[in-house]
Amino acid sequence: MYDVRQLATAMLTIAFTALLLITGEWFVEYRLQHEATTPTVVVATLPP
């Protein structure tokens, strides 16, 4: 019975990791397509 629980846990871990990889790829692709703007650099200065 212990082996079945261990196998189920391993399968859930693999499925969860695959889900994160797929959704992460989708998120990156969406960001590259819809928000591909040049990043701006803002420099903070203190008054004299």
N, C-alpha and C. Protein backbone atom coordinates (compact mmCIF):
# COMPACT_ATOMS: atom_id res chain seq x y z
N MET A 1 0.82 -1.20 0.00
CA MET A 1 0.00 0.00 0.00
C MET A 1 0.86 1.26 0.00
N TYR A 2 2.02 1.17 0.63
CA TYR A 2 2.91 2.32 0.69
C TYR A 2 3.42 2.69 -0.70
N ASP A 3 3.67 1.66 -1.54
CA ASP A 3 4.16 1.91 -2.89
C ASP A 3 3.13 2.65 -3.74
N VAL A 4 1.86 2.33 -3.55
CA VAL A 4 0.79 2.99 -4.30
C VAL A 4 0.72 4.46 -3.93
N ARG A 5 0.84 4.77 -2.66
CA ARG A 5 0.82 6.17 -2.22
C ARG A 5 2.02 6.93 -2.77
N GLN A 6 3.17 6.29 -2.76
CA GLN A 6 4.39 6.93 -3.26
C GLN A 6 4.27 7.19 -4.76
N LEU A 7 3.73 6.24 -5.51
CA LEU A 7 3.53 6.41 -6.94
C LEU A 7 2.53 7.53 -7.23
N ALA A 8 1.45 7.58 -6.45
CA ALA A 8 0.46 8.64 -6.64
C ALA A 8 1.06 10.01 -6.35
N THR A 9 1.86 10.09 -5.32
CA THR A 9 2.51 11.36 -5.00
C THR A 9 3.48 11.78 -6.10
N ALA A 10 4.23 10.83 -6.62
CA ALA A 10 5.17 11.13 -7.71
C ALA A 10 4.42 11.58 -8.96
N MET A 11 3.31 10.94 -9.27
CA MET A 11 2.54 11.33 -10.44
C MET A 11 1.94 12.72 -10.28
N LEU A 12 1.45 13.02 -9.09
CA LEU A 12 0.92 14.37 -8.83
C LEU A 12 2.01 15.42 -8.95
N THR A 13 3.20 15.11 -8.46
CA THR A 13 4.31 16.04 -8.55
C THR A 13 4.70 16.29 -10.00
N ILE A 14 4.76 15.24 -10.79
CA ILE A 14 5.09 15.40 -12.21
C ILE A 14 4.02 16.19 -12.94
N ALA A 15 2.76 15.91 -12.66
CA ALA A 15 1.66 16.64 -13.31
C ALA A 15 1.68 18.11 -12.92
N PHE A 16 1.93 18.41 -11.66
CA PHE A 16 1.97 19.80 -11.20
C PHE A 16 3.14 20.55 -11.84
N THR A 17 4.29 19.90 -11.93
CA THR A 17 5.45 20.52 -12.56
C THR A 17 5.19 20.79 -14.04
N ALA A 18 4.59 19.84 -14.73
CA ALA A 18 4.26 20.04 -16.14
C ALA A 18 3.27 21.18 -16.31
N LEU A 19 2.29 21.26 -15.43
CA LEU A 19 1.32 22.35 -15.50
C LEU A 19 1.99 23.71 -15.31
N LEU A 20 2.91 23.80 -14.35
CA LEU A 20 3.62 25.06 -14.14
C LEU A 20 4.48 25.44 -15.33
N LEU A 21 5.14 24.46 -15.94
CA LEU A 21 5.96 24.74 -17.11
C LEU A 21 5.13 25.23 -18.28
N ILE A 22 3.97 24.60 -18.49
CA ILE A 22 3.11 24.99 -19.61
C ILE A 22 2.52 26.38 -19.39
N THR A 23 1.98 26.63 -18.21
CA THR A 23 1.39 27.95 -17.96
C THR A 23 2.45 29.04 -17.93
N GLY A 24 3.65 28.72 -17.46
CA GLY A 24 4.73 29.69 -17.49
C GLY A 24 5.11 30.06 -18.92
N GLU A 25 5.15 29.06 -19.79
CA GLU A 25 5.46 29.32 -21.20
C GLU A 25 4.37 30.19 -21.83
N TRP A 26 3.11 29.88 -21.53
CA TRP A 26 2.01 30.69 -22.05
C TRP A 26 2.11 32.13 -21.56
N PHE A 27 2.45 32.31 -20.30
CA PHE A 27 2.56 33.65 -19.73
C PHE A 27 3.66 34.44 -20.42
N VAL A 28 4.81 33.80 -20.61
CA VAL A 28 5.94 34.49 -21.27
C VAL A 28 5.58 34.85 -22.70
N GLU A 29 4.96 33.94 -23.42
CA GLU A 29 4.57 34.22 -24.80
C GLU A 29 3.56 35.36 -24.86
N TYR A 30 2.61 35.39 -23.94
CA TYR A 30 1.62 36.46 -23.91
C TYR A 30 2.29 37.81 -23.65
N ARG A 31 3.21 37.82 -22.68
CA ARG A 31 3.89 39.07 -22.35
C ARG A 31 4.72 39.57 -23.52
N LEU A 32 5.38 38.66 -24.24
CA LEU A 32 6.20 39.06 -25.37
C LEU A 32 5.35 39.59 -26.52
N GLN A 33 4.17 39.05 -26.72
CA GLN A 33 3.32 39.47 -27.83
C GLN A 33 2.56 40.76 -27.52
N HIS A 34 2.08 40.92 -26.30
CA HIS A 34 1.17 42.02 -26.01
C HIS A 34 1.82 43.20 -25.30
N GLU A 35 2.92 42.98 -24.67
CA GLU A 35 3.54 44.07 -23.92
C GLU A 35 5.02 44.21 -24.27
N ALA A 36 5.33 44.12 -25.55
CA ALA A 36 6.72 44.19 -25.99
C ALA A 36 7.11 45.65 -26.16
N THR A 37 7.33 46.33 -25.08
CA THR A 37 7.77 47.72 -25.13
C THR A 37 9.21 47.81 -24.63
N THR A 38 9.86 48.86 -25.02
CA THR A 38 11.23 49.07 -24.58
C THR A 38 11.22 49.49 -23.12
N PRO A 39 11.98 48.82 -22.28
CA PRO A 39 12.00 49.21 -20.88
C PRO A 39 12.63 50.59 -20.69
N THR A 40 12.09 51.36 -19.78
CA THR A 40 12.64 52.67 -19.49
C THR A 40 13.42 52.62 -18.18
N VAL A 41 14.48 53.39 -18.16
CA VAL A 41 15.31 53.47 -16.97
C VAL A 41 15.05 54.80 -16.29
N VAL A 42 14.67 54.77 -15.04
CA VAL A 42 14.38 55.98 -14.29
C VAL A 42 15.45 56.09 -13.21
N VAL A 43 16.10 57.25 -13.18
CA VAL A 43 17.15 57.47 -12.19
C VAL A 43 16.60 58.39 -11.12
N ALA A 44 16.69 57.97 -9.90
CA ALA A 44 16.23 58.79 -8.78
C ALA A 44 17.39 59.66 -8.29
N THR A 45 17.12 60.94 -8.10
CA THR A 45 18.14 61.85 -7.59
C THR A 45 17.60 62.59 -6.39
N LEU A 46 18.48 63.00 -5.54
CA LEU A 46 18.11 63.79 -4.37
C LEU A 46 18.32 65.26 -4.65
N PRO A 47 17.51 66.10 -4.08
CA PRO A 47 17.71 67.55 -4.29
C PRO A 47 19.00 68.00 -3.63
N PRO A 48 19.62 69.04 -4.17
CA PRO A 48 20.90 69.51 -3.59
C PRO A 48 20.74 70.10 -2.21
